[in-house]
Structures are given as structure tokens and as C-alpha cells.
Amino acid sequence: MAAITTSQVQKAADELASMRRALKGWLKYRLLNDKVLAGAASTRTPLPYAQRVIASSRDLSIEQDLATKLHVLLTEVMPGAQLPTPDLRSNPRAAVELANIALVGAAPTPQAQGGLGGIFGAASSSHPWLWPVLIVGGLLLMVTTAIKTAADLAEEKERLACIQAGACTDFGFFLKAGGIAMLAYVAWNQFGVGDMVKGILRKKGRS
């Protein structure tokens, strides 16, 4: 095997950071939607409607793909860790649990209930600082990128469902509207559009 270079490790670190951002973005909406399903979050639409929207919009095939890829990655970078099963049929929250482990960098073990057993039980997993090296050495860079892509897809599904259910505000719409208003203001005042329109109106008033 060829020697691992600093640039390869840095690229792996960057991919890991992107993957974690994508997972955080997905979990933000996924967990909020879970609260709506449990009746523990307020919505601007009737709760039964909001719950139907979220339940019907959740793409379990994407979550299964995400859970499977996360399990592959974590198995390699956390040798000895006891990970939850990635099968959504027996563990509907598999993707959520594995995503949290990927973000924290540690998995709970049966011994990690307190005392020295918990310390030594957690020590079987590699430190997150070593993950970039392990990813490069294990040829897992493509898996990391694929996890980010799956998380982005899952986030968009959950975000749109959250907005439709009335549990979220579409801040993107307001940002776009604000940008359009700013462009209109600049065009009106800086590029002479306002003066041109006023001139046309004056001419029409004299005719």
C-alpha cells in the first residue's frame, strides 16, 4: 500500500466535516418532525394533517441507504464498538442513532454504565482525530461522500415536510424575497430606473 500523504488526510478531514454538517442539517428537521409525530411540537396546521404530511413524506429508502453506509464507515473507524443494527425493519431509528454516533465519535457499550469498566469499554474505539487517516487508509473516502449525499437528500425531504406541516418557516423564501427587493431598490435608485419611470409618467400626464 502506498504511503498516506498529508494532502490525502486533509481531503479526508474536509469530507468528514462536510458529512457531519449534512448529518446535523438532516437531524435538525428529522428530530423536529419526530416531535410533531409524537404531538410534542406546535404546528400552524391542524396536528392530524401535519402528522400525515410528515409520515407520508419520510423516505425510508433514503434512511436505509444512509444507515447502511454509516454502519460501514463506523465499523471501520471504530473497531470494537458495538453499533446499533442498520436494518430499519428491526430498528426504525437506525439512521438517527448511527448519525449521532458519527457526530459524537463514540458509541455506547454495555460496560459504559459507570466505573472503570465504562472507561475501558469506550477505549476500544479509535479517536475521531484518527478518522481521516483511517478513511484514507481504508479507501472509505467515497463512502464518506456518499453519506453526505444521502444526508442532503434526507434533509431536503424532512425540511419540505416540516414546512408543509407548518412546523417550520421557509426562511429561504424570505431571503429570496429580500434579495429581490434589494435588487429592485438598487435598480430604482442607482441605475436611473426610477427617474426613467417618472419621466414616462410626466410625458403621459402632458399628453
N, C-alpha and C. Protein backbone atom coordinates (compact mmCIF):
# COMPACT_ATOMS: atom_id res chain seq x y z
N MET A 1 0.84 -1.20 0.00
CA MET A 1 0.00 0.00 0.00
C MET A 1 0.87 1.26 0.00
N ALA A 2 0.51 2.22 -0.84
CA ALA A 2 1.29 3.46 -0.93
C ALA A 2 1.18 4.26 0.35
N ALA A 3 2.21 5.06 0.61
CA ALA A 3 2.22 5.90 1.81
C ALA A 3 1.10 6.92 1.75
N ILE A 4 0.50 7.21 2.91
CA ILE A 4 -0.57 8.20 3.01
C ILE A 4 0.05 9.59 3.11
N THR A 5 -0.42 10.50 2.26
CA THR A 5 0.14 11.85 2.24
C THR A 5 -0.70 12.80 3.09
N THR A 6 -0.08 13.92 3.43
CA THR A 6 -0.78 14.94 4.22
C THR A 6 -1.99 15.48 3.47
N SER A 7 -1.87 15.66 2.17
CA SER A 7 -2.98 16.20 1.39
C SER A 7 -4.16 15.22 1.36
N GLN A 8 -3.87 13.92 1.34
CA GLN A 8 -4.94 12.93 1.38
C GLN A 8 -5.68 12.96 2.71
N VAL A 9 -4.92 13.09 3.78
CA VAL A 9 -5.54 13.17 5.10
C VAL A 9 -6.38 14.43 5.23
N GLN A 10 -5.87 15.55 4.71
CA GLN A 10 -6.63 16.81 4.77
C GLN A 10 -7.92 16.71 3.98
N LYS A 11 -7.83 16.07 2.80
CA LYS A 11 -9.04 15.90 2.00
C LYS A 11 -10.06 15.05 2.74
N ALA A 12 -9.59 13.99 3.38
CA ALA A 12 -10.49 13.14 4.17
C ALA A 12 -11.11 13.92 5.32
N ALA A 13 -10.32 14.76 5.97
CA ALA A 13 -10.83 15.59 7.07
C ALA A 13 -11.90 16.55 6.56
N ASP A 14 -11.68 17.13 5.39
CA ASP A 14 -12.67 18.04 4.80
C ASP A 14 -13.96 17.30 4.47
N GLU A 15 -13.83 16.09 3.92
CA GLU A 15 -15.02 15.30 3.58
C GLU A 15 -15.78 14.91 4.84
N LEU A 16 -15.05 14.59 5.89
CA LEU A 16 -15.70 14.26 7.16
C LEU A 16 -16.47 15.46 7.71
N ALA A 17 -15.87 16.63 7.62
CA ALA A 17 -16.53 17.85 8.10
C ALA A 17 -17.81 18.11 7.30
N SER A 18 -17.74 17.94 5.98
CA SER A 18 -18.92 18.12 5.14
C SER A 18 -19.99 17.10 5.47
N MET A 19 -19.56 15.86 5.70
CA MET A 19 -20.51 14.81 6.07
C MET A 19 -21.22 15.14 7.38
N ARG A 20 -20.45 15.61 8.36
CA ARG A 20 -21.05 15.93 9.66
C ARG A 20 -22.02 17.11 9.55
N ARG A 21 -21.69 18.10 8.74
CA ARG A 21 -22.62 19.23 8.54
C ARG A 21 -23.92 18.74 7.93
N ALA A 22 -23.80 17.83 6.96
CA ALA A 22 -25.01 17.29 6.31
C ALA A 22 -25.84 16.48 7.30
N LEU A 23 -25.19 15.70 8.14
CA LEU A 23 -25.91 14.92 9.14
C LEU A 23 -26.61 15.82 10.15
N LYS A 24 -25.93 16.88 10.57
CA LYS A 24 -26.55 17.82 11.51
C LYS A 24 -27.77 18.49 10.89
N GLY A 25 -27.65 18.88 9.62
CA GLY A 25 -28.77 19.50 8.93
C GLY A 25 -29.97 18.57 8.84
N TRP A 26 -29.70 17.29 8.53
CA TRP A 26 -30.80 16.33 8.44
C TRP A 26 -31.43 16.09 9.80
N LEU A 27 -30.60 15.88 10.83
CA LEU A 27 -31.13 15.59 12.16
C LEU A 27 -31.97 16.73 12.72
N LYS A 28 -31.61 17.95 12.36
CA LYS A 28 -32.37 19.12 12.83
C LYS A 28 -33.85 18.98 12.46
N TYR A 29 -34.12 18.67 11.18
CA TYR A 29 -35.51 18.56 10.73
C TYR A 29 -36.10 17.20 11.10
N ARG A 30 -35.29 16.17 11.07
CA ARG A 30 -35.79 14.82 11.39
C ARG A 30 -36.32 14.78 12.82
N LEU A 31 -35.57 15.34 13.75
CA LEU A 31 -35.97 15.30 15.16
C LEU A 31 -37.16 16.21 15.44
N LEU A 32 -37.22 17.36 14.74
CA LEU A 32 -38.37 18.24 14.90
C LEU A 32 -39.63 17.56 14.38
N ASN A 33 -39.51 16.91 13.23
CA ASN A 33 -40.66 16.20 12.67
C ASN A 33 -41.09 15.04 13.57
N ASP A 34 -40.13 14.40 14.22
CA ASP A 34 -40.47 13.34 15.16
C ASP A 34 -41.31 13.90 16.32
N LYS A 35 -40.99 15.11 16.75
CA LYS A 35 -41.77 15.73 17.82
C LYS A 35 -43.20 16.00 17.35
N VAL A 36 -43.35 16.40 16.10
CA VAL A 36 -44.70 16.62 15.56
C VAL A 36 -45.46 15.30 15.54
N LEU A 37 -44.81 14.23 15.10
CA LEU A 37 -45.46 12.93 15.06
C LEU A 37 -45.88 12.47 16.45
N ALA A 38 -45.09 12.87 17.46
CA ALA A 38 -45.41 12.49 18.84
C ALA A 38 -46.39 13.47 19.49
N GLY A 39 -46.78 14.51 18.76
CA GLY A 39 -47.69 15.51 19.30
C GLY A 39 -47.03 16.44 20.30
N ALA A 40 -45.70 16.53 20.24
CA ALA A 40 -44.95 17.33 21.22
C ALA A 40 -44.43 18.64 20.64
N ALA A 41 -44.85 19.00 19.44
CA ALA A 41 -44.42 20.26 18.82
C ALA A 41 -45.63 20.97 18.23
N SER A 42 -45.62 22.28 18.33
CA SER A 42 -46.74 23.06 17.80
C SER A 42 -46.60 23.22 16.29
N THR A 43 -47.71 23.30 15.61
CA THR A 43 -47.72 23.48 14.15
C THR A 43 -48.76 24.54 13.79
N ARG A 44 -48.57 25.17 12.64
CA ARG A 44 -49.53 26.17 12.17
C ARG A 44 -50.69 25.53 11.42
N THR A 45 -50.63 24.24 11.20
CA THR A 45 -51.72 23.49 10.58
C THR A 45 -52.29 22.54 11.63
N PRO A 46 -53.50 22.02 11.41
CA PRO A 46 -54.05 21.04 12.36
C PRO A 46 -53.09 19.87 12.55
N LEU A 47 -52.91 19.45 13.78
CA LEU A 47 -51.92 18.42 14.09
C LEU A 47 -52.12 17.13 13.30
N PRO A 48 -53.34 16.61 13.16
CA PRO A 48 -53.50 15.38 12.37
C PRO A 48 -53.02 15.53 10.93
N TYR A 49 -53.28 16.70 10.34
CA TYR A 49 -52.81 16.94 8.97
C TYR A 49 -51.28 17.00 8.95
N ALA A 50 -50.70 17.71 9.90
CA ALA A 50 -49.23 17.83 9.96
C ALA A 50 -48.59 16.45 10.11
N GLN A 51 -49.17 15.62 10.94
CA GLN A 51 -48.62 14.28 11.16
C GLN A 51 -48.73 13.42 9.90
N ARG A 52 -49.83 13.54 9.17
CA ARG A 52 -49.98 12.78 7.93
C ARG A 52 -48.95 13.22 6.90
N VAL A 53 -48.74 14.53 6.80
CA VAL A 53 -47.77 15.05 5.84
C VAL A 53 -46.38 14.50 6.13
N ILE A 54 -45.97 14.56 7.37
CA ILE A 54 -44.62 14.12 7.74
C ILE A 54 -44.46 12.61 7.56
N ALA A 55 -45.47 11.85 8.00
CA ALA A 55 -45.38 10.39 7.88
C ALA A 55 -45.32 9.95 6.43
N SER A 56 -46.10 10.60 5.57
CA SER A 56 -46.14 10.19 4.16
C SER A 56 -44.94 10.70 3.37
N SER A 57 -44.28 11.74 3.86
CA SER A 57 -43.15 12.33 3.15
C SER A 57 -41.82 11.66 3.51
N ARG A 58 -41.75 10.98 4.63
CA ARG A 58 -40.49 10.37 5.07
C ARG A 58 -40.09 9.24 4.12
N ASP A 59 -38.91 9.35 3.56
CA ASP A 59 -38.41 8.37 2.59
C ASP A 59 -37.53 7.36 3.31
N LEU A 60 -38.10 6.20 3.61
CA LEU A 60 -37.36 5.20 4.37
C LEU A 60 -36.26 4.55 3.54
N SER A 61 -36.40 4.58 2.21
CA SER A 61 -35.34 4.01 1.38
C SER A 61 -34.07 4.85 1.49
N ILE A 62 -34.22 6.17 1.57
CA ILE A 62 -33.06 7.04 1.75
C ILE A 62 -32.45 6.81 3.13
N GLU A 63 -33.30 6.70 4.15
CA GLU A 63 -32.80 6.47 5.51
C GLU A 63 -32.09 5.12 5.61
N GLN A 64 -32.62 4.11 4.92
CA GLN A 64 -31.96 2.80 4.96
C GLN A 64 -30.58 2.87 4.30
N ASP A 65 -30.52 3.58 3.18
CA ASP A 65 -29.24 3.77 2.49
C ASP A 65 -28.25 4.51 3.39
N LEU A 66 -28.75 5.54 4.07
CA LEU A 66 -27.91 6.32 4.97
C LEU A 66 -27.42 5.47 6.14
N ALA A 67 -28.31 4.68 6.73
CA ALA A 67 -27.93 3.83 7.86
C ALA A 67 -26.90 2.78 7.45
N THR A 68 -27.10 2.19 6.28
CA THR A 68 -26.17 1.16 5.80
C THR A 68 -24.77 1.73 5.60
N LYS A 69 -24.69 2.88 4.95
CA LYS A 69 -23.38 3.49 4.67
C LYS A 69 -22.71 3.96 5.97
N LEU A 70 -23.50 4.52 6.88
CA LEU A 70 -22.93 4.93 8.17
C LEU A 70 -22.38 3.73 8.92
N HIS A 71 -23.08 2.64 8.87
CA HIS A 71 -22.63 1.44 9.58
C HIS A 71 -21.31 0.93 9.00
N VAL A 72 -21.19 0.97 7.67
CA VAL A 72 -19.94 0.56 7.02
C VAL A 72 -18.79 1.44 7.48
N LEU A 73 -19.01 2.75 7.47
CA LEU A 73 -17.96 3.69 7.86
C LEU A 73 -17.57 3.51 9.32
N LEU A 74 -18.57 3.47 10.20
CA LEU A 74 -18.30 3.40 11.64
C LEU A 74 -17.66 2.08 12.04
N THR A 75 -18.00 1.01 11.35
CA THR A 75 -17.39 -0.28 11.64
C THR A 75 -15.89 -0.23 11.41
N GLU A 76 -15.48 0.53 10.40
CA GLU A 76 -14.06 0.61 10.06
C GLU A 76 -13.30 1.58 10.95
N VAL A 77 -13.90 2.71 11.28
CA VAL A 77 -13.18 3.73 12.05
C VAL A 77 -13.33 3.55 13.55
N MET A 78 -14.27 2.69 13.98
CA MET A 78 -14.48 2.45 15.41
C MET A 78 -14.43 0.95 15.68
N PRO A 79 -13.29 0.32 15.45
CA PRO A 79 -13.19 -1.13 15.67
C PRO A 79 -13.47 -1.50 17.12
N GLY A 80 -14.29 -2.50 17.30
CA GLY A 80 -14.62 -2.94 18.65
C GLY A 80 -15.87 -2.31 19.22
N ALA A 81 -16.35 -1.22 18.60
CA ALA A 81 -17.55 -0.56 19.12
C ALA A 81 -18.78 -1.40 18.79
N GLN A 82 -19.72 -1.44 19.71
CA GLN A 82 -20.97 -2.16 19.49
C GLN A 82 -21.99 -1.18 18.92
N LEU A 83 -22.19 -1.27 17.63
CA LEU A 83 -23.06 -0.34 16.91
C LEU A 83 -24.48 -0.88 16.80
N PRO A 84 -25.46 0.01 16.75
CA PRO A 84 -26.84 -0.47 16.53
C PRO A 84 -26.98 -1.07 15.14
N THR A 85 -27.92 -2.00 15.01
CA THR A 85 -28.14 -2.60 13.71
C THR A 85 -28.60 -1.54 12.71
N PRO A 86 -28.12 -1.61 11.45
CA PRO A 86 -28.54 -0.62 10.46
C PRO A 86 -29.86 -0.96 9.77
N ASP A 87 -30.48 -2.07 10.14
CA ASP A 87 -31.70 -2.53 9.49
C ASP A 87 -32.92 -1.80 10.06
N LEU A 88 -33.56 -0.96 9.23
CA LEU A 88 -34.70 -0.18 9.69
C LEU A 88 -35.90 -1.05 10.04
N ARG A 89 -35.95 -2.27 9.53
CA ARG A 89 -37.09 -3.14 9.82
C ARG A 89 -37.11 -3.53 11.30
N SER A 90 -35.96 -3.72 11.88
CA SER A 90 -35.89 -4.06 13.30
C SER A 90 -35.53 -2.87 14.17
N ASN A 91 -35.01 -1.82 13.56
CA ASN A 91 -34.60 -0.62 14.30
C ASN A 91 -34.95 0.61 13.47
N PRO A 92 -36.19 1.11 13.59
CA PRO A 92 -36.62 2.25 12.77
C PRO A 92 -35.78 3.51 12.94
N ARG A 93 -35.07 3.63 14.05
CA ARG A 93 -34.25 4.81 14.31
C ARG A 93 -32.77 4.55 14.03
N ALA A 94 -32.49 3.54 13.23
CA ALA A 94 -31.10 3.16 12.97
C ALA A 94 -30.29 4.32 12.40
N ALA A 95 -30.83 5.00 11.40
CA ALA A 95 -30.08 6.09 10.77
C ALA A 95 -29.82 7.21 11.76
N VAL A 96 -30.81 7.53 12.59
CA VAL A 96 -30.66 8.59 13.59
C VAL A 96 -29.58 8.21 14.60
N GLU A 97 -29.63 6.98 15.09
CA GLU A 97 -28.66 6.54 16.10
C GLU A 97 -27.24 6.51 15.54
N LEU A 98 -27.09 6.00 14.33
CA LEU A 98 -25.77 5.93 13.72
C LEU A 98 -25.24 7.32 13.37
N ALA A 99 -26.13 8.21 12.96
CA ALA A 99 -25.71 9.58 12.66
C ALA A 99 -25.20 10.27 13.92
N ASN A 100 -25.88 10.06 15.03
CA ASN A 100 -25.43 10.65 16.30
C ASN A 100 -24.07 10.12 16.71
N ILE A 101 -23.84 8.84 16.49
CA ILE A 101 -22.53 8.26 16.82
C ILE A 101 -21.45 8.88 15.93
N ALA A 102 -21.76 9.07 14.65
CA ALA A 102 -20.79 9.68 13.73
C ALA A 102 -20.47 11.12 14.14
N LEU A 103 -21.44 11.81 14.72
CA LEU A 103 -21.22 13.19 15.14
C LEU A 103 -20.43 13.26 16.46
N VAL A 104 -20.75 12.37 17.38
CA VAL A 104 -20.10 12.38 18.70
C VAL A 104 -18.73 11.73 18.63
N GLY A 105 -18.61 10.69 17.80
CA GLY A 105 -17.33 9.98 17.69
C GLY A 105 -17.17 8.87 18.69
N ALA A 106 -18.27 8.46 19.31
CA ALA A 106 -18.21 7.38 20.29
C ALA A 106 -19.55 6.67 20.33
N ALA A 107 -19.51 5.39 20.61
CA ALA A 107 -20.72 4.59 20.71
C ALA A 107 -20.86 4.05 22.13
N PRO A 108 -22.08 3.99 22.65
CA PRO A 108 -22.26 3.41 23.99
C PRO A 108 -21.98 1.92 23.96
N THR A 109 -21.39 1.41 25.02
CA THR A 109 -21.12 -0.01 25.15
C THR A 109 -21.80 -0.53 26.40
N PRO A 110 -22.04 -1.84 26.49
CA PRO A 110 -22.68 -2.38 27.70
C PRO A 110 -21.92 -2.05 28.97
N GLN A 111 -20.57 -1.91 28.87
CA GLN A 111 -19.77 -1.62 30.05
C GLN A 111 -19.83 -0.15 30.43
N ALA A 112 -20.26 0.71 29.48
CA ALA A 112 -20.20 2.16 29.72
C ALA A 112 -21.38 2.62 30.55
N GLN A 113 -21.54 2.00 31.70
CA GLN A 113 -22.61 2.36 32.61
C GLN A 113 -22.07 3.03 33.87
N GLY A 114 -20.76 3.28 33.88
CA GLY A 114 -20.15 3.89 35.05
C GLY A 114 -19.01 3.04 35.55
N GLY A 115 -18.07 3.66 36.27
CA GLY A 115 -16.94 2.92 36.81
C GLY A 115 -15.86 2.71 35.77
N LEU A 116 -14.83 1.95 36.12
CA LEU A 116 -13.69 1.73 35.23
C LEU A 116 -14.08 0.90 34.03
N GLY A 117 -15.08 0.04 34.16
CA GLY A 117 -15.50 -0.76 33.03
C GLY A 117 -15.95 0.10 31.87
N GLY A 118 -16.66 1.20 32.19
CA GLY A 118 -17.11 2.11 31.14
C GLY A 118 -15.97 2.77 30.43
N ILE A 119 -14.91 3.14 31.19
CA ILE A 119 -13.76 3.80 30.59
C ILE A 119 -13.06 2.87 29.61
N PHE A 120 -12.80 1.65 30.08
CA PHE A 120 -12.08 0.72 29.22
C PHE A 120 -12.97 0.22 28.08
N GLY A 121 -14.28 0.16 28.32
CA GLY A 121 -15.18 -0.27 27.26
C GLY A 121 -15.20 0.72 26.11
N ALA A 122 -15.15 2.02 26.42
CA ALA A 122 -15.18 3.04 25.38
C ALA A 122 -13.84 3.17 24.67
N ALA A 123 -12.76 2.67 25.29
CA ALA A 123 -11.43 2.85 24.71
C ALA A 123 -11.16 1.96 23.51
N SER A 124 -12.07 1.01 23.23
CA SER A 124 -11.84 0.11 22.11
C SER A 124 -12.05 0.81 20.77
N SER A 125 -12.69 1.97 20.76
CA SER A 125 -12.93 2.70 19.53
C SER A 125 -11.81 3.71 19.29
N SER A 126 -11.52 3.95 18.02
CA SER A 126 -10.46 4.90 17.69
C SER A 126 -10.92 6.33 17.96
N HIS A 127 -9.97 7.19 18.23
CA HIS A 127 -10.29 8.60 18.49
C HIS A 127 -10.71 9.27 17.18
N PRO A 128 -11.72 10.16 17.22
CA PRO A 128 -12.16 10.83 15.99
C PRO A 128 -11.04 11.57 15.26
N TRP A 129 -10.00 12.00 15.99
CA TRP A 129 -8.88 12.67 15.31
C TRP A 129 -8.18 11.74 14.32
N LEU A 130 -8.28 10.44 14.57
CA LEU A 130 -7.62 9.49 13.68
C LEU A 130 -8.49 9.10 12.49
N TRP A 131 -9.75 9.50 12.49
CA TRP A 131 -10.66 9.06 11.43
C TRP A 131 -10.17 9.42 10.03
N PRO A 132 -9.68 10.64 9.79
CA PRO A 132 -9.21 10.94 8.42
C PRO A 132 -8.14 9.98 7.93
N VAL A 133 -7.20 9.61 8.81
CA VAL A 133 -6.15 8.67 8.43
C VAL A 133 -6.75 7.30 8.13
N LEU A 134 -7.69 6.86 8.97
CA LEU A 134 -8.31 5.56 8.78
C LEU A 134 -9.15 5.53 7.50
N ILE A 135 -9.79 6.66 7.20
CA ILE A 135 -10.61 6.72 5.99
C ILE A 135 -9.75 6.61 4.75
N VAL A 136 -8.64 7.34 4.74
CA VAL A 136 -7.74 7.26 3.59
C VAL A 136 -7.14 5.86 3.47
N GLY A 137 -6.69 5.32 4.60
CA GLY A 137 -6.07 4.00 4.59
C GLY A 137 -7.04 2.90 4.22
N GLY A 138 -8.31 3.08 4.60
CA GLY A 138 -9.32 2.07 4.30
C GLY A 138 -10.09 2.31 3.02
N LEU A 139 -9.67 3.30 2.25
CA LEU A 139 -10.32 3.63 0.97
C LEU A 139 -11.81 3.92 1.17
N LEU A 140 -12.13 4.68 2.23
CA LEU A 140 -13.52 4.95 2.58
C LEU A 140 -13.96 6.36 2.21
N LEU A 141 -13.15 7.06 1.42
CA LEU A 141 -13.48 8.44 1.09
C LEU A 141 -14.80 8.51 0.31
N MET A 142 -15.00 7.56 -0.60
CA MET A 142 -16.23 7.55 -1.39
C MET A 142 -17.44 7.26 -0.52
N VAL A 143 -17.27 6.44 0.51
CA VAL A 143 -18.37 6.15 1.43
C VAL A 143 -18.75 7.41 2.19
N THR A 144 -17.75 8.17 2.63
CA THR A 144 -18.00 9.41 3.36
C THR A 144 -18.77 10.40 2.49
N THR A 145 -18.36 10.52 1.23
CA THR A 145 -19.06 11.42 0.30
C THR A 145 -20.48 10.94 0.05
N ALA A 146 -20.65 9.62 -0.07
CA ALA A 146 -21.99 9.07 -0.31
C ALA A 146 -22.91 9.31 0.89
N ILE A 147 -22.36 9.26 2.10
CA ILE A 147 -23.16 9.56 3.30
C ILE A 147 -23.63 11.00 3.26
N LYS A 148 -22.76 11.92 2.89
CA LYS A 148 -23.14 13.33 2.79
C LYS A 148 -24.28 13.51 1.79
N THR A 149 -24.17 12.85 0.63
CA THR A 149 -25.20 12.97 -0.39
C THR A 149 -26.53 12.43 0.11
N ALA A 150 -26.52 11.27 0.76
CA ALA A 150 -27.74 10.69 1.30
C ALA A 150 -28.34 11.58 2.39
N ALA A 151 -27.49 12.16 3.23
CA ALA A 151 -27.98 13.04 4.29
C ALA A 151 -28.60 14.30 3.71
N ASP A 152 -28.01 14.84 2.66
CA ASP A 152 -28.57 16.02 2.00
C ASP A 152 -29.96 15.71 1.43
N LEU A 153 -30.10 14.55 0.79
CA LEU A 153 -31.40 14.15 0.25
C LEU A 153 -32.43 13.98 1.35
N ALA A 154 -32.03 13.32 2.42
CA ALA A 154 -32.94 13.10 3.55
C ALA A 154 -33.33 14.43 4.19
N GLU A 155 -32.37 15.34 4.31
CA GLU A 155 -32.66 16.65 4.91
C GLU A 155 -33.70 17.41 4.08
N GLU A 156 -33.55 17.40 2.77
CA GLU A 156 -34.49 18.14 1.93
C GLU A 156 -35.88 17.57 2.05
N LYS A 157 -36.01 16.25 2.12
CA LYS A 157 -37.31 15.62 2.31
C LYS A 157 -37.95 16.07 3.62
N GLU A 158 -37.17 16.00 4.70
CA GLU A 158 -37.69 16.36 6.02
C GLU A 158 -37.98 17.85 6.12
N ARG A 159 -37.14 18.67 5.49
CA ARG A 159 -37.34 20.13 5.54
C ARG A 159 -38.64 20.53 4.85
N LEU A 160 -38.86 19.99 3.66
CA LEU A 160 -40.07 20.32 2.91
C LEU A 160 -41.32 19.83 3.65
N ALA A 161 -41.22 18.64 4.25
CA ALA A 161 -42.35 18.13 5.02
C ALA A 161 -42.61 19.01 6.23
N CYS A 162 -41.55 19.48 6.87
CA CYS A 162 -41.67 20.34 8.04
C CYS A 162 -42.37 21.65 7.69
N ILE A 163 -41.99 22.21 6.54
CA ILE A 163 -42.62 23.46 6.08
C ILE A 163 -44.08 23.23 5.75
N GLN A 164 -44.37 22.15 5.00
CA GLN A 164 -45.75 21.85 4.61
C GLN A 164 -46.62 21.55 5.82
N ALA A 165 -46.03 20.94 6.83
CA ALA A 165 -46.78 20.62 8.04
C ALA A 165 -47.01 21.84 8.92
N GLY A 166 -46.30 22.93 8.63
CA GLY A 166 -46.46 24.14 9.43
C GLY A 166 -45.64 24.14 10.70
N ALA A 167 -44.61 23.27 10.74
CA ALA A 167 -43.74 23.24 11.91
C ALA A 167 -42.49 24.06 11.71
N CYS A 168 -42.20 24.45 10.47
CA CYS A 168 -41.01 25.23 10.14
C CYS A 168 -41.40 26.43 9.30
N THR A 169 -40.54 27.41 9.30
CA THR A 169 -40.69 28.58 8.45
C THR A 169 -39.72 28.48 7.29
N ASP A 170 -40.19 28.79 6.10
CA ASP A 170 -39.31 28.73 4.93
C ASP A 170 -38.48 30.00 4.88
N PHE A 171 -37.38 30.03 5.65
CA PHE A 171 -36.53 31.21 5.68
C PHE A 171 -35.92 31.49 4.31
N GLY A 172 -35.74 30.42 3.52
CA GLY A 172 -35.19 30.61 2.18
C GLY A 172 -36.07 31.51 1.33
N PHE A 173 -37.40 31.38 1.49
CA PHE A 173 -38.32 32.22 0.73
C PHE A 173 -38.13 33.68 1.11
N PHE A 174 -38.03 33.95 2.42
CA PHE A 174 -37.88 35.33 2.86
C PHE A 174 -36.53 35.91 2.44
N LEU A 175 -35.48 35.08 2.43
CA LEU A 175 -34.18 35.55 1.96
C LEU A 175 -34.22 35.91 0.49
N LYS A 176 -34.89 35.05 -0.31
CA LYS A 176 -35.00 35.33 -1.73
C LYS A 176 -35.83 36.60 -1.97
N ALA A 177 -36.93 36.72 -1.23
CA ALA A 177 -37.78 37.90 -1.38
C ALA A 177 -37.01 39.17 -1.00
N GLY A 178 -36.23 39.06 0.08
CA GLY A 178 -35.43 40.21 0.50
C GLY A 178 -34.38 40.57 -0.53
N GLY A 179 -33.77 39.55 -1.16
CA GLY A 179 -32.78 39.80 -2.19
C GLY A 179 -33.38 40.49 -3.40
N ILE A 180 -34.57 40.04 -3.81
CA ILE A 180 -35.26 40.65 -4.95
C ILE A 180 -35.61 42.10 -4.64
N ALA A 181 -36.08 42.34 -3.42
CA ALA A 181 -36.43 43.71 -3.03
C ALA A 181 -35.20 44.61 -3.05
N MET A 182 -34.06 44.09 -2.59
CA MET A 182 -32.83 44.86 -2.58
C MET A 182 -32.38 45.20 -4.01
N LEU A 183 -32.47 44.21 -4.91
CA LEU A 183 -32.11 44.46 -6.31
C LEU A 183 -33.02 45.52 -6.92
N ALA A 184 -34.30 45.44 -6.61
CA ALA A 184 -35.24 46.43 -7.15
C ALA A 184 -34.92 47.82 -6.62
N TYR A 185 -34.55 47.91 -5.33
CA TYR A 185 -34.21 49.20 -4.73
C TYR A 185 -32.97 49.80 -5.40
N VAL A 186 -31.94 48.95 -5.59
CA VAL A 186 -30.71 49.42 -6.22
C VAL A 186 -30.97 49.88 -7.65
N ALA A 187 -31.74 49.07 -8.38
CA ALA A 187 -32.03 49.43 -9.77
C ALA A 187 -32.81 50.75 -9.84
N TRP A 188 -33.74 50.95 -8.92
CA TRP A 188 -34.58 52.14 -8.92
C TRP A 188 -33.76 53.40 -8.60
N ASN A 189 -32.84 53.27 -7.64
CA ASN A 189 -32.12 54.44 -7.18
C ASN A 189 -30.75 54.64 -7.82
N GLN A 190 -30.07 53.55 -8.16
CA GLN A 190 -28.69 53.66 -8.62
C GLN A 190 -28.56 53.64 -10.14
N PHE A 191 -29.48 52.99 -10.81
CA PHE A 191 -29.34 52.83 -12.27
C PHE A 191 -30.35 53.67 -13.06
N GLY A 192 -31.00 54.59 -12.39
CA GLY A 192 -31.86 55.53 -13.08
C GLY A 192 -33.22 55.00 -13.48
N VAL A 193 -33.60 53.82 -13.00
CA VAL A 193 -34.91 53.28 -13.36
C VAL A 193 -36.01 54.18 -12.83
N GLY A 194 -35.83 54.64 -11.60
CA GLY A 194 -36.86 55.49 -11.02
C GLY A 194 -37.05 56.77 -11.81
N ASP A 195 -35.94 57.43 -12.21
CA ASP A 195 -36.05 58.67 -13.00
C ASP A 195 -36.69 58.40 -14.35
N MET A 196 -36.35 57.26 -14.96
CA MET A 196 -36.93 56.94 -16.27
C MET A 196 -38.43 56.75 -16.16
N VAL A 197 -38.87 56.04 -15.12
CA VAL A 197 -40.30 55.81 -14.94
C VAL A 197 -41.03 57.13 -14.67
N LYS A 198 -40.41 58.00 -13.83
CA LYS A 198 -41.04 59.29 -13.54
C LYS A 198 -41.16 60.13 -14.80
N GLY A 199 -40.12 60.07 -15.67
CA GLY A 199 -40.16 60.83 -16.91
C GLY A 199 -41.27 60.35 -17.82
N ILE A 200 -41.45 59.03 -17.91
CA ILE A 200 -42.52 58.48 -18.75
C ILE A 200 -43.88 58.91 -18.23
N LEU A 201 -44.03 58.89 -16.90
CA LEU A 201 -45.31 59.30 -16.32
C LEU A 201 -45.61 60.78 -16.56
N ARG A 202 -44.54 61.63 -16.49
CA ARG A 202 -44.74 63.06 -16.74
C ARG A 202 -45.19 63.30 -18.18
N LYS A 203 -44.55 62.59 -19.14
CA LYS A 203 -44.92 62.73 -20.54
C LYS A 203 -46.36 62.32 -20.77
N LYS A 204 -46.78 61.23 -20.13
CA LYS A 204 -48.15 60.77 -20.29
C LYS A 204 -49.13 61.77 -19.69
N GLY A 205 -48.68 62.44 -18.61
CA GLY A 205 -49.56 63.42 -17.97
C GLY A 205 -49.76 64.65 -18.85
N ARG A 206 -48.73 65.03 -19.67
CA ARG A 206 -48.86 66.21 -20.54
C ARG A 206 -49.61 65.88 -21.82
N SER A 207 -49.67 64.59 -22.20
CA SER A 207 -50.31 64.25 -23.48
C SER A 207 -51.82 64.20 -23.35
